[in-house]
Structure formats: structure tokens, C-alpha cells
Amino acid sequence: MNRRKFLRFLGIPALFASGGVAWASYARSRNPYYQGPVSDHFNGLTFSDGRPVTKGLLDFLRWQTGDRQKEKFPEHFPAPPQDVPPASVEGLRVAHLGHASFLLQAAGLNILVDPVYSERASPFSFFGPKRVNAPGIAFANLPKIDVVLVTHNHYDHLDVDTLARLHQRDRPRMIMPLGNDSIVKAHDAAIQAEAHDWGTHLTLSDKVAVTLVPSYHWSARGAFDRRMALWCSFVIETPAGKLFHIGDTGFHDGSLYRELGEKHGPFRLALLPIGAYEPRWFMGDNHMNPEEAVEVMRFLRAEQALGHHWGTFQLTDEGVSRPAEALTVALDKAGLPPERFRAMQPGLVWEV
């Protein structure tokens, strides 16, 4: 890794690489990604979802060095055959690429959400969570992409190498929360990255629109840039119905999703994370478990849900198949049929 990339991993832009006055400016806690007006969720330096920050570096070290009950992922976790999507769809077609990545095809528009084609969800090519199955659609088989949506800047969601490949091939419009555009443009200044705040409503075509809404999460690319870029979920409006996509979220008391369900619902489909939740004492604030995901589906008033964020990259302690197993138990406990909420694997498709 070269010096510029290492500094970026630490949350220090290339501008600060020479030290001196620039480093002093950084030491005074200047946000390297976003400078904008103070709001109810931005204090001039960092963003907040309204909850107190309860976990820090010492908690992370306790998790990593304590008596962990970690179930190691296998080297390979078989997935269904790769999907070969059509060039476009007039109805609604949703294909899972793996982890939190989806291809949404609606009303002639092709949208990628949190696309990650890299081998590792990491700033390093030689270290970090490595995928245990191939993307559900080969990059060469992707149709021409019109829009890319990015929920936040964690490496398993914002993959700048993949975004650069998509820009070179298709020149799509790339939409993300505040501050994330700076990260993308630092990698490739030509990428058409645009950043927006919670509540922003954007027209994608004459039939499809998207709104950025909050989630219970956080952001970081390195050790010193916590919450300096915003995170979000997406409400996607199509002629075939509304979709709700969450990249990552905690459950908290569920009130946020009750409010969003009342304001934007009901939804035809919700794409909800069900993995990366153990140990609960550490992960519970920012990653919901399958039982909580079922509650979020109900709060959103979603007709159906698809579970993602499991079975591709090991980020936490639960085994590779635990989220899908726990989802089955949670649905049974809630008295809901299994077809109401499917645990997706790379290559699987849901369509109207």
C-alpha cells in the first residue's frame, strides 16, 4: 500500500501528507470529507443518528482479545448459479450479488446498490474479510448501469475499485450520503458522485425516484474519521411498488422504522440486513439480528422482505449459516410464513 492510500485509510486526505500547517489543521479536528452547516444531525465535525455513542476502541479491543465464541467461515460457501439478468425490465426484478449488493431493475432503469466486486471488504488486497463465494452476477454480465446507490462508507458497502470500474464502463449517476462523494472522488475525480442529506428526494427517471432516509449506524474508513461522513437507507419508488433498502442498522427501540413506515410505507419489498450481529453486547447498537429484522419488516409495513448482509464476508462471530437459521426461527416465532422473508444468497432473484 502506498503512502497516499495508507493516509486515506487513517482518515487523512492526501492534502495532509506533507505535514506542517496541514497536519495542525487536521489535529484541530477538521472533517476531511464534509464541510457544511450545522444541523440536527451534524455538529460541524461529526454526524449523529440521535443516539449516544456507547462503544469505542476499548470495547473493540475487548471483543477482539477476549474469550470469543467465534465460528470460523469455511473457505467456500456454495451459492446458487450466477444470474444472467436481462438488459432491462419493465416490471421489477431484484437480483442478489452477495452481502449487501443488489441489482434492482425497474421500469427500464438498472440500479446497483452497494456494489462490491473486490475479493476483500478491506482497504488491503492481502488482509481483511475475504469473500467465500463469487458475486451473484459476473461483472461482465451486468447490464448497462444507470444509477448506483451507496448507503455508507464501510468497506463492505463502499468499494471504490468497483465504482471506478462501473464509471469507466457505463458512466452511471452515483448517489450517496454527505461526505461519501469526497472519498469516491479522491480515488477517481472523474466519477459522477453526488452526495445528499437525509430527506432528499431525487428523480432517477420519469417513473423511478429515490429518497435518502436515516438508519441507526455510523461511518468510518480508518481509525480517525468516525462519523465524519453520513450514512443512510433508501426509499425507492417504482411503478411496481416501493422498495426500502437498509445497508446496515441497529434496531434501538424500532421507533425510527415505525416512523418511516408511517411516512413512506407500505412497501412492496424491504431489503434488510440479517447478519453480522454477534456478539450482541458489541454489535447490537449498529447491526440488528434476524428477530429484530422481522420486527423492522412489520414496522415498515412491507409485504415481503429479503435478507442480506450474510454468507459472503465474515465480519463478526456468528457462523456462515446462522443468520438464515435464526431467520427461520424468528419467522416461526412471529407466526409468519417463510416465503414472507427470504434469506438471499448470491445469484438468487426476486421479481414481480
Protein backbone atom coordinates (compact mmCIF):
# COMPACT_ATOMS: atom_id res chain seq x y z
CA MET A 1 0.00 0.00 0.00
CA ASN A 2 1.46 3.38 -0.98
CA ARG A 3 1.72 6.34 1.40
CA ARG A 4 -1.24 8.20 -0.07
CA LYS A 5 -3.55 5.19 0.27
CA PHE A 6 -2.34 4.47 3.81
CA LEU A 7 -3.06 8.06 4.87
CA ARG A 8 -6.51 7.82 3.34
CA PHE A 9 -7.12 4.63 5.36
CA LEU A 10 -6.25 6.58 8.50
CA GLY A 11 -8.80 9.20 7.55
CA ILE A 12 -6.18 11.71 6.42
CA PRO A 13 -6.58 13.03 2.86
CA ALA A 14 -3.61 13.37 0.54
CA LEU A 15 -3.67 17.11 1.24
CA PHE A 16 -2.33 16.41 4.75
CA ALA A 17 0.51 14.13 3.67
CA SER A 18 3.14 16.87 3.81
CA GLY A 19 2.57 17.63 7.50
CA GLY A 20 3.24 21.08 8.96
CA VAL A 21 0.35 23.52 8.90
CA ALA A 22 -1.90 20.99 7.19
CA TRP A 23 -1.35 18.41 9.94
CA ALA A 24 -2.03 21.05 12.60
CA SER A 25 -5.30 21.80 10.83
CA TYR A 26 -6.22 18.11 10.99
CA ALA A 27 -5.19 17.95 14.64
CA ARG A 28 -7.75 20.66 15.32
CA SER A 29 -10.34 18.06 14.22
CA ARG A 30 -11.29 19.38 10.79
CA ASN A 31 -13.55 16.95 8.94
CA PRO A 32 -11.66 15.70 5.83
CA TYR A 33 -14.82 14.68 3.94
CA TYR A 34 -17.52 17.24 4.51
CA GLN A 35 -17.79 20.90 5.50
CA GLY A 36 -21.35 22.12 5.76
CA PRO A 37 -23.83 23.87 8.03
CA VAL A 38 -24.67 22.55 11.47
CA SER A 39 -27.96 20.63 11.55
CA ASP A 40 -29.93 18.41 13.90
CA HIS A 41 -27.63 15.51 12.92
CA PHE A 42 -24.33 17.32 12.11
CA ASN A 43 -22.43 19.32 14.74
CA GLY A 44 -19.90 20.81 12.33
CA LEU A 45 -17.50 17.88 12.69
CA THR A 46 -19.39 14.59 13.01
CA PHE A 47 -22.80 13.15 12.18
CA SER A 48 -25.23 11.53 14.63
CA ASP A 49 -28.42 9.47 14.42
CA GLY A 50 -29.60 10.84 17.76
CA ARG A 51 -28.29 8.02 19.95
CA PRO A 52 -25.34 8.35 22.36
CA VAL A 53 -22.11 6.67 21.25
CA THR A 54 -21.76 3.70 23.58
CA LYS A 55 -18.89 1.71 22.07
CA GLY A 56 -15.31 2.79 21.41
CA LEU A 57 -11.81 1.49 20.82
CA LEU A 58 -11.52 -0.17 24.23
CA ASP A 59 -14.73 -2.11 23.59
CA PHE A 60 -13.42 -3.20 20.20
CA LEU A 61 -10.17 -4.41 21.77
CA ARG A 62 -12.14 -6.25 24.48
CA TRP A 63 -14.09 -8.05 21.75
CA GLN A 64 -11.01 -8.90 19.70
CA THR A 65 -8.83 -10.07 22.58
CA GLY A 66 -11.41 -11.54 24.98
CA ASP A 67 -12.82 -15.03 25.22
CA ARG A 68 -14.59 -15.05 21.85
CA GLN A 69 -17.10 -17.65 20.68
CA LYS A 70 -16.22 -17.23 17.00
CA GLU A 71 -17.42 -19.74 14.41
CA LYS A 72 -14.99 -19.53 11.50
CA PHE A 73 -16.39 -19.27 7.98
CA PRO A 74 -15.47 -22.04 5.53
CA GLU A 75 -13.07 -21.25 2.70
CA HIS A 76 -16.00 -21.58 0.30
CA PHE A 77 -19.73 -21.36 0.99
CA PRO A 78 -21.58 -22.67 -2.08
CA ALA A 79 -24.13 -20.34 -3.65
CA PRO A 80 -26.72 -20.79 -6.41
CA PRO A 81 -25.54 -20.42 -10.03
CA GLN A 82 -24.75 -16.87 -11.10
CA ASP A 83 -27.66 -14.91 -12.51
CA VAL A 84 -27.58 -13.52 -16.05
CA PRO A 85 -30.00 -10.59 -15.94
CA PRO A 86 -31.84 -9.16 -18.93
CA ALA A 87 -30.79 -5.84 -20.44
CA SER A 88 -33.78 -4.14 -18.81
CA VAL A 89 -37.08 -4.90 -17.09
CA GLU A 90 -40.37 -3.04 -17.26
CA GLY A 91 -41.73 -4.58 -14.05
CA LEU A 92 -39.48 -5.18 -11.04
CA ARG A 93 -36.58 -7.60 -10.73
CA VAL A 94 -34.18 -7.82 -7.79
CA ALA A 95 -31.00 -9.93 -8.02
CA HIS A 96 -28.63 -10.50 -5.11
CA LEU A 97 -24.93 -10.07 -5.85
CA GLY A 98 -23.85 -11.04 -2.33
CA HIS A 99 -23.57 -9.37 1.07
CA ALA A 100 -25.42 -6.01 0.74
CA SER A 101 -25.08 -5.71 -3.07
CA PHE A 102 -28.18 -5.84 -5.27
CA LEU A 103 -29.13 -5.18 -8.87
CA LEU A 104 -32.58 -3.56 -8.99
CA GLN A 105 -34.26 -3.44 -12.40
CA ALA A 106 -37.46 -1.40 -12.62
CA ALA A 107 -39.31 0.48 -15.36
CA GLY A 108 -36.37 0.22 -17.75
CA LEU A 109 -33.83 1.51 -15.20
CA ASN A 110 -30.87 -0.52 -13.87
CA ILE A 111 -29.75 0.35 -10.32
CA LEU A 112 -26.89 -1.14 -8.31
CA VAL A 113 -26.96 -0.80 -4.52
CA ASP A 114 -23.70 -1.01 -2.52
CA PRO A 115 -21.86 -2.90 -5.29
CA VAL A 116 -18.76 -4.78 -4.08
CA TYR A 117 -16.82 -6.86 -6.59
CA SER A 118 -13.49 -6.80 -4.75
CA GLU A 119 -12.16 -10.01 -3.28
CA ARG A 120 -11.89 -8.48 0.18
CA ALA A 121 -14.02 -5.99 2.13
CA SER A 122 -10.91 -4.15 3.22
CA PRO A 123 -8.52 -1.33 2.26
CA PHE A 124 -5.88 -4.03 1.77
CA SER A 125 -5.67 -6.60 -1.02
CA PHE A 126 -3.85 -9.08 1.23
CA PHE A 127 -5.71 -8.76 4.55
CA GLY A 128 -9.27 -8.41 5.78
CA PRO A 129 -12.60 -10.22 5.28
CA LYS A 130 -12.39 -12.34 2.12
CA ARG A 131 -15.42 -13.41 0.13
CA VAL A 132 -16.35 -17.08 0.31
CA ASN A 133 -18.44 -17.10 -2.86
CA ALA A 134 -18.36 -15.29 -6.18
CA PRO A 135 -20.63 -12.31 -6.90
CA GLY A 136 -24.13 -13.43 -7.87
CA ILE A 137 -23.73 -11.74 -11.27
CA ALA A 138 -20.40 -11.72 -13.09
CA PHE A 139 -19.26 -8.15 -13.74
CA ALA A 140 -19.23 -8.82 -17.49
CA ASN A 141 -22.88 -9.93 -17.31
CA LEU A 142 -24.13 -6.77 -15.63
CA PRO A 143 -26.48 -4.80 -17.89
CA LYS A 144 -25.65 -1.15 -18.52
CA ILE A 145 -25.98 0.51 -15.12
CA ASP A 146 -27.87 3.79 -14.94
CA VAL A 147 -27.64 4.56 -11.21
CA VAL A 148 -25.51 3.43 -8.27
CA LEU A 149 -26.75 3.93 -4.70
CA VAL A 150 -24.28 3.74 -1.78
CA THR A 151 -25.55 3.61 1.82
CA HIS A 152 -22.33 4.41 3.72
CA ASN A 153 -18.55 4.27 3.62
CA HIS A 154 -17.66 0.97 5.33
CA TYR A 155 -15.54 -1.18 3.04
CA ASP A 156 -18.19 -3.86 2.65
CA HIS A 157 -20.54 -1.23 1.17
CA LEU A 158 -18.38 1.45 -0.49
CA ASP A 159 -15.92 -0.29 -2.83
CA VAL A 160 -14.12 2.46 -4.75
CA ASP A 161 -12.44 0.00 -7.11
CA THR A 162 -15.83 -1.35 -8.20
CA LEU A 163 -17.22 2.18 -8.58
CA ALA A 164 -14.27 3.12 -10.77
CA ARG A 165 -14.87 0.06 -13.00
CA LEU A 166 -18.53 0.98 -13.33
CA HIS A 167 -17.66 4.57 -14.16
CA GLN A 168 -15.24 3.50 -16.87
CA ARG A 169 -17.79 1.16 -18.42
CA ASP A 170 -21.17 2.89 -18.02
CA ARG A 171 -20.75 6.41 -16.56
CA PRO A 172 -23.69 5.89 -14.16
CA ARG A 173 -25.06 8.50 -11.81
CA MET A 174 -23.77 7.69 -8.29
CA ILE A 175 -25.83 8.82 -5.30
CA MET A 176 -24.64 8.64 -1.69
CA PRO A 177 -24.95 10.45 1.67
CA LEU A 178 -22.98 13.59 2.56
CA GLY A 179 -19.20 13.24 2.59
CA ASN A 180 -19.02 9.94 0.75
CA ASP A 181 -18.52 11.70 -2.59
CA SER A 182 -15.20 13.05 -1.31
CA ILE A 183 -13.98 9.50 -0.68
CA VAL A 184 -15.02 8.37 -4.17
CA LYS A 185 -13.55 11.40 -5.94
CA ALA A 186 -10.28 11.03 -4.04
CA HIS A 187 -9.98 7.65 -5.77
CA ASP A 188 -11.11 8.88 -9.19
CA ALA A 189 -12.04 12.55 -9.64
CA ALA A 190 -13.97 11.81 -12.84
CA ILE A 191 -16.61 9.63 -11.14
CA GLN A 192 -20.07 11.22 -11.18
CA ALA A 193 -20.56 11.04 -7.42
CA GLU A 194 -23.17 13.26 -5.78
CA ALA A 195 -23.88 13.48 -2.07
CA HIS A 196 -27.14 14.37 -0.35
CA ASP A 197 -28.61 14.75 3.12
CA TRP A 198 -31.35 12.73 4.80
CA GLY A 199 -34.75 13.68 3.44
CA THR A 200 -33.51 14.48 -0.08
CA HIS A 201 -35.87 13.24 -2.81
CA LEU A 202 -34.31 12.62 -6.23
CA THR A 203 -35.85 11.79 -9.59
CA LEU A 204 -34.00 8.96 -11.36
CA SER A 205 -36.30 8.75 -14.40
CA ASP A 206 -39.85 9.72 -15.30
CA LYS A 207 -41.02 6.61 -13.40
CA VAL A 208 -38.45 5.97 -10.64
CA ALA A 209 -37.36 8.11 -7.68
CA VAL A 210 -35.31 7.70 -4.51
CA THR A 211 -35.29 9.33 -1.08
CA LEU A 212 -32.41 9.19 1.42
CA VAL A 213 -33.62 8.43 4.95
CA PRO A 214 -31.87 7.75 8.30
CA SER A 215 -30.70 4.48 9.81
CA TYR A 216 -29.12 3.58 13.16
CA HIS A 217 -25.49 3.22 12.14
CA TRP A 218 -22.16 5.05 11.78
CA SER A 219 -19.30 5.54 9.33
CA ALA A 220 -15.50 5.21 9.10
CA ARG A 221 -12.81 4.36 6.58
CA GLY A 222 -9.95 4.43 9.07
CA ALA A 223 -9.01 4.98 12.68
CA PHE A 224 -9.59 8.74 12.95
CA ASP A 225 -12.63 9.55 10.81
CA ARG A 226 -15.52 8.13 12.84
CA ARG A 227 -18.91 9.56 11.81
CA MET A 228 -17.35 12.20 9.55
CA ALA A 229 -19.43 11.01 6.57
CA LEU A 230 -23.17 10.42 6.68
CA TRP A 231 -24.96 7.06 6.30
CA CYS A 232 -28.48 6.34 5.06
CA SER A 233 -31.16 3.95 3.87
CA PHE A 234 -33.05 4.33 0.60
CA VAL A 235 -36.74 4.52 -0.24
CA ILE A 236 -37.05 3.63 -3.93
CA GLU A 237 -40.30 4.37 -5.73
CA THR A 238 -41.20 2.35 -8.85
CA PRO A 239 -44.44 1.72 -10.78
CA ALA A 240 -44.42 -1.84 -9.35
CA GLY A 241 -44.30 -0.59 -5.77
CA LYS A 242 -41.97 0.96 -3.22
CA LEU A 243 -38.73 -0.67 -2.03
CA PHE A 244 -36.87 0.01 1.20
CA HIS A 245 -33.16 -0.79 1.34
CA ILE A 246 -31.08 -0.75 4.52
CA GLY A 247 -27.33 -1.33 4.19
CA ASP A 248 -26.68 -1.61 7.93
CA THR A 249 -28.64 -0.62 11.02
CA GLY A 250 -29.17 -1.30 14.67
CA PHE A 251 -32.68 -1.82 15.98
CA HIS A 252 -32.58 0.53 19.00
CA ASP A 253 -36.27 0.74 20.03
CA GLY A 254 -37.57 0.32 16.48
CA SER A 255 -39.24 3.76 16.58
CA LEU A 256 -37.33 5.04 13.54
CA TYR A 257 -38.77 2.28 11.36
CA ARG A 258 -42.27 2.79 12.70
CA GLU A 259 -41.98 6.43 11.66
CA LEU A 260 -40.54 5.61 8.24
CA GLY A 261 -43.24 3.00 7.67
CA GLU A 262 -45.92 5.52 8.52
CA LYS A 263 -44.36 8.24 6.37
CA HIS A 264 -43.26 6.26 3.31
CA GLY A 265 -44.99 2.87 3.51
CA PRO A 266 -46.45 0.48 2.82
CA PHE A 267 -43.65 -1.18 0.87
CA ARG A 268 -43.81 -3.87 -1.78
CA LEU A 269 -40.40 -5.12 -0.70
CA ALA A 270 -37.84 -4.43 2.04
CA LEU A 271 -34.16 -5.40 1.67
CA LEU A 272 -32.96 -5.88 5.25
CA PRO A 273 -29.63 -6.94 6.82
CA ILE A 274 -29.81 -10.08 8.93
CA GLY A 275 -26.12 -10.84 9.59
CA ALA A 276 -23.01 -9.53 11.39
CA TYR A 277 -24.73 -9.38 14.78
CA GLU A 278 -22.60 -11.37 17.27
CA PRO A 279 -21.58 -10.71 19.98
CA ARG A 280 -24.73 -8.77 20.83
CA TRP A 281 -23.09 -6.71 23.59
CA PHE A 282 -20.83 -5.14 20.96
CA MET A 283 -22.81 -5.37 17.72
CA GLY A 284 -26.33 -4.70 18.97
CA ASP A 285 -26.13 -0.91 18.65
CA ASN A 286 -25.40 -0.94 14.93
CA HIS A 287 -26.34 -4.36 13.49
CA MET A 288 -29.76 -5.90 14.05
CA ASN A 289 -30.24 -9.65 14.32
CA PRO A 290 -32.84 -11.67 12.35
CA GLU A 291 -35.51 -11.42 15.06
CA GLU A 292 -35.17 -7.63 15.02
CA ALA A 293 -35.20 -7.61 11.22
CA VAL A 294 -38.60 -9.33 11.28
CA GLU A 295 -39.86 -6.55 13.55
CA VAL A 296 -38.47 -3.90 11.18
CA MET A 297 -40.27 -5.57 8.26
CA ARG A 298 -43.52 -5.30 10.19
CA PHE A 299 -42.89 -1.71 11.29
CA LEU A 300 -42.20 -0.71 7.68
CA ARG A 301 -45.45 -2.41 6.60
CA ALA A 302 -43.52 -4.38 3.98
CA GLU A 303 -45.41 -7.02 2.03
CA GLN A 304 -42.23 -9.08 1.65
CA ALA A 305 -38.59 -8.88 2.69
CA LEU A 306 -35.24 -10.20 1.52
CA GLY A 307 -32.42 -10.81 3.99
CA HIS A 308 -28.86 -9.82 3.08
CA HIS A 309 -25.53 -8.99 4.75
CA TRP A 310 -24.68 -12.62 5.50
CA GLY A 311 -22.89 -15.59 3.96
CA THR A 312 -20.23 -13.77 1.90
CA PHE A 313 -17.81 -11.86 4.19
CA GLN A 314 -17.18 -12.80 7.82
CA LEU A 315 -17.28 -9.57 9.80
CA THR A 316 -18.39 -10.90 13.21
CA ASP A 317 -18.58 -14.05 15.30
CA GLU A 318 -21.66 -15.98 14.13
CA GLY A 319 -21.19 -18.86 11.69
CA VAL A 320 -21.88 -18.57 8.00
CA SER A 321 -25.36 -20.14 8.07
CA ARG A 322 -26.51 -18.86 11.48
CA PRO A 323 -28.41 -15.79 10.18
CA ALA A 324 -30.56 -17.85 7.80
CA GLU A 325 -31.26 -20.40 10.53
CA ALA A 326 -32.14 -17.66 13.03
CA LEU A 327 -34.44 -16.01 10.48
CA THR A 328 -36.42 -19.24 10.14
CA VAL A 329 -36.84 -19.39 13.93
CA ALA A 330 -37.81 -15.69 14.13
CA LEU A 331 -40.48 -16.04 11.45
CA ASP A 332 -41.95 -19.09 13.14
CA LYS A 333 -41.98 -17.26 16.47
CA ALA A 334 -43.79 -14.32 14.84
CA GLY A 335 -46.30 -16.64 13.17
CA LEU A 336 -45.21 -15.62 9.67
CA PRO A 337 -44.70 -17.93 6.66
CA PRO A 338 -41.10 -18.43 5.46
CA GLU A 339 -41.88 -17.04 2.00
CA ARG A 340 -42.66 -13.67 3.61
CA PHE A 341 -38.96 -13.06 4.37
CA ARG A 342 -36.31 -14.92 2.33
CA ALA A 343 -32.63 -15.14 3.26
CA MET A 344 -30.91 -14.34 -0.04
CA GLN A 345 -27.74 -15.89 -1.43
CA PRO A 346 -25.64 -14.62 -4.35
CA GLY A 347 -27.40 -15.38 -7.64
CA LEU A 348 -30.93 -15.56 -6.23
CA VAL A 349 -33.64 -13.44 -7.88
CA TRP A 350 -36.97 -11.99 -6.71
CA GLU A 351 -39.29 -10.47 -9.28
CA VAL A 352 -42.79 -9.19 -9.93
